[in-house]
Amino acid sequence: MCTGDRVNELRFTHFVVGTYDRITLAVAREGEKIRNFILGAGWVKQQVNSHFEYLPTETAIAVRQRAEQYLDKVPIYRTKTLAIN
């Protein structure tokens, strides 16, 4: 799981935005590892094995800020909704 001190190592590769539910799937590389995040209104989850877990507030803020640095640099795919619980 990504910790606050490793957020600067994240290199986002693309985003999938649900325009209706306003949820974003953000995919990043941390070295050789792929990290998947779900960004919602006021929260961030990270994939851990086959499920997603909420990140602590400080880490969630740092991940969101890091992701924002890549918004104009990587592909953004849009769909009406993401089927994510």
C-alpha atoms as a PDB file:
ATOM      1  CA  MET A   1       0.000   0.000   0.000  1.00  0.00           C
ATOM      2  CA  CYS A   2       1.224   3.478  -0.831  1.00  0.00           C
ATOM      3  CA  THR A   3       2.310   5.436   2.215  1.00  0.00           C
ATOM      4  CA  GLY A   4       2.628   9.184   2.561  1.00  0.00           C
ATOM      5  CA  ASP A   5       6.412   9.152   2.205  1.00  0.00           C
ATOM      6  CA  ARG A   6       6.194   7.285  -1.140  1.00  0.00           C
ATOM      7  CA  VAL A   7       3.557   9.432  -2.837  1.00  0.00           C
ATOM      8  CA  ASN A   8       6.219  11.421  -4.712  1.00  0.00           C
ATOM      9  CA  GLU A   9       7.274   8.189  -6.435  1.00  0.00           C
ATOM     10  CA  LEU A  10       3.852   7.809  -8.096  1.00  0.00           C
ATOM     11  CA  ARG A  11       3.820   8.359 -11.869  1.00  0.00           C
ATOM     12  CA  PHE A  12       0.211   8.458 -13.046  1.00  0.00           C
ATOM     13  CA  THR A  13      -0.341   6.869 -16.454  1.00  0.00           C
ATOM     14  CA  HIS A  14      -4.047   7.528 -17.092  1.00  0.00           C
ATOM     15  CA  PHE A  15      -7.392   8.410 -15.543  1.00  0.00           C
ATOM     16  CA  VAL A  16     -10.922   7.099 -16.125  1.00  0.00           C
ATOM     17  CA  VAL A  17     -13.557   9.627 -15.071  1.00  0.00           C
ATOM     18  CA  GLY A  18     -17.181   8.766 -14.370  1.00  0.00           C
ATOM     19  CA  THR A  19     -18.967  11.942 -15.443  1.00  0.00           C
ATOM     20  CA  TYR A  20     -22.257  11.038 -13.746  1.00  0.00           C
ATOM     21  CA  ASP A  21     -21.005   9.726 -10.405  1.00  0.00           C
ATOM     22  CA  ARG A  22     -17.929  12.002 -10.355  1.00  0.00           C
ATOM     23  CA  ILE A  23     -15.592   9.181  -9.384  1.00  0.00           C
ATOM     24  CA  THR A  24     -12.155   8.816 -10.943  1.00  0.00           C
ATOM     25  CA  LEU A  25     -10.068   5.698 -11.371  1.00  0.00           C
ATOM     26  CA  ALA A  26      -6.415   6.776 -11.351  1.00  0.00           C
ATOM     27  CA  VAL A  27      -3.672   4.375 -12.423  1.00  0.00           C
ATOM     28  CA  ALA A  28      -0.064   5.017 -11.444  1.00  0.00           C
ATOM     29  CA  ARG A  29       3.313   3.335 -11.372  1.00  0.00           C
ATOM     30  CA  GLU A  30       5.430   3.252  -8.256  1.00  0.00           C
ATOM     31  CA  GLY A  31       8.703   1.896  -9.575  1.00  0.00           C
ATOM     32  CA  GLU A  32       7.766  -1.426 -11.183  1.00  0.00           C
ATOM     33  CA  LYS A  33       4.472  -1.734  -9.296  1.00  0.00           C
ATOM     34  CA  ILE A  34       1.099  -0.608 -10.635  1.00  0.00           C
ATOM     35  CA  ARG A  35      -1.090   1.257  -8.146  1.00  0.00           C
ATOM     36  CA  ASN A  36      -4.829   1.749  -8.681  1.00  0.00           C
ATOM     37  CA  PHE A  37      -6.722   4.465  -6.841  1.00  0.00           C
ATOM     38  CA  ILE A  38     -10.352   5.532  -6.730  1.00  0.00           C
ATOM     39  CA  LEU A  39     -10.836   9.233  -6.062  1.00  0.00           C
ATOM     40  CA  GLY A  40     -14.232  10.298  -4.777  1.00  0.00           C
ATOM     41  CA  ALA A  41     -15.630  13.411  -3.150  1.00  0.00           C
ATOM     42  CA  GLY A  42     -13.466  13.802  -0.046  1.00  0.00           C
ATOM     43  CA  TRP A  43     -11.929  10.325  -0.045  1.00  0.00           C
ATOM     44  CA  VAL A  44      -9.369   8.160  -1.818  1.00  0.00           C
ATOM     45  CA  LYS A  45      -9.198   4.365  -1.911  1.00  0.00           C
ATOM     46  CA  GLN A  46      -6.258   2.228  -3.016  1.00  0.00           C
ATOM     47  CA  GLN A  47      -6.486  -1.264  -4.440  1.00  0.00           C
ATOM     48  CA  VAL A  48      -5.145  -3.899  -2.079  1.00  0.00           C
ATOM     49  CA  ASN A  49      -5.221  -7.331  -3.699  1.00  0.00           C
ATOM     50  CA  SER A  50      -8.799  -7.767  -4.977  1.00  0.00           C
ATOM     51  CA  HIS A  51     -10.460  -4.946  -3.027  1.00  0.00           C
ATOM     52  CA  PHE A  52     -10.051  -1.226  -2.318  1.00  0.00           C
ATOM     53  CA  GLU A  53      -9.267   0.318   1.085  1.00  0.00           C
ATOM     54  CA  TYR A  54      -9.613   3.907   2.238  1.00  0.00           C
ATOM     55  CA  LEU A  55      -6.353   5.791   2.646  1.00  0.00           C
ATOM     56  CA  PRO A  56      -5.651   7.849   5.772  1.00  0.00           C
ATOM     57  CA  THR A  57      -6.590  11.503   5.297  1.00  0.00           C
ATOM     58  CA  GLU A  58      -3.039  12.847   4.962  1.00  0.00           C
ATOM     59  CA  THR A  59      -2.068  10.194   2.425  1.00  0.00           C
ATOM     60  CA  ALA A  60      -5.334  10.687   0.511  1.00  0.00           C
ATOM     61  CA  ILE A  61      -4.673  14.425   0.218  1.00  0.00           C
ATOM     62  CA  ALA A  62      -1.119  13.788  -0.976  1.00  0.00           C
ATOM     63  CA  VAL A  63      -2.268  11.223  -3.587  1.00  0.00           C
ATOM     64  CA  ARG A  64      -4.959  13.596  -4.867  1.00  0.00           C
ATOM     65  CA  GLN A  65      -2.438  16.451  -5.152  1.00  0.00           C
ATOM     66  CA  ARG A  66       0.021  14.195  -6.955  1.00  0.00           C
ATOM     67  CA  ALA A  67      -2.687  13.026  -9.369  1.00  0.00           C
ATOM     68  CA  GLU A  68      -3.619  16.636 -10.152  1.00  0.00           C
ATOM     69  CA  GLN A  69      -0.044  17.233 -11.335  1.00  0.00           C
ATOM     70  CA  TYR A  70      -0.630  14.659 -14.107  1.00  0.00           C
ATOM     71  CA  LEU A  71      -4.079  15.732 -15.323  1.00  0.00           C
ATOM     72  CA  ASP A  72      -2.746  17.607 -18.347  1.00  0.00           C
ATOM     73  CA  LYS A  73       0.054  15.125 -19.077  1.00  0.00           C
ATOM     74  CA  VAL A  74      -1.636  11.727 -19.449  1.00  0.00           C
ATOM     75  CA  PRO A  75      -4.755  10.360 -21.178  1.00  0.00           C
ATOM     76  CA  ILE A  76      -8.120  10.946 -19.527  1.00  0.00           C
ATOM     77  CA  TYR A  77     -10.918   8.598 -20.554  1.00  0.00           C
ATOM     78  CA  ARG A  78     -14.510   9.549 -19.798  1.00  0.00           C
ATOM     79  CA  THR A  79     -17.502   7.305 -19.230  1.00  0.00           C
ATOM     80  CA  LYS A  80     -20.964   7.985 -17.858  1.00  0.00           C
ATOM     81  CA  THR A  81     -20.446   5.958 -14.709  1.00  0.00           C
ATOM     82  CA  LEU A  82     -17.916   3.616 -13.119  1.00  0.00           C
ATOM     83  CA  ALA A  83     -19.347   0.412 -11.692  1.00  0.00           C
ATOM     84  CA  ILE A  84     -17.336   0.664  -8.480  1.00  0.00           C
ATOM     85  CA  ASN A  85     -18.745   0.043  -5.018  1.00  0.00           C
END
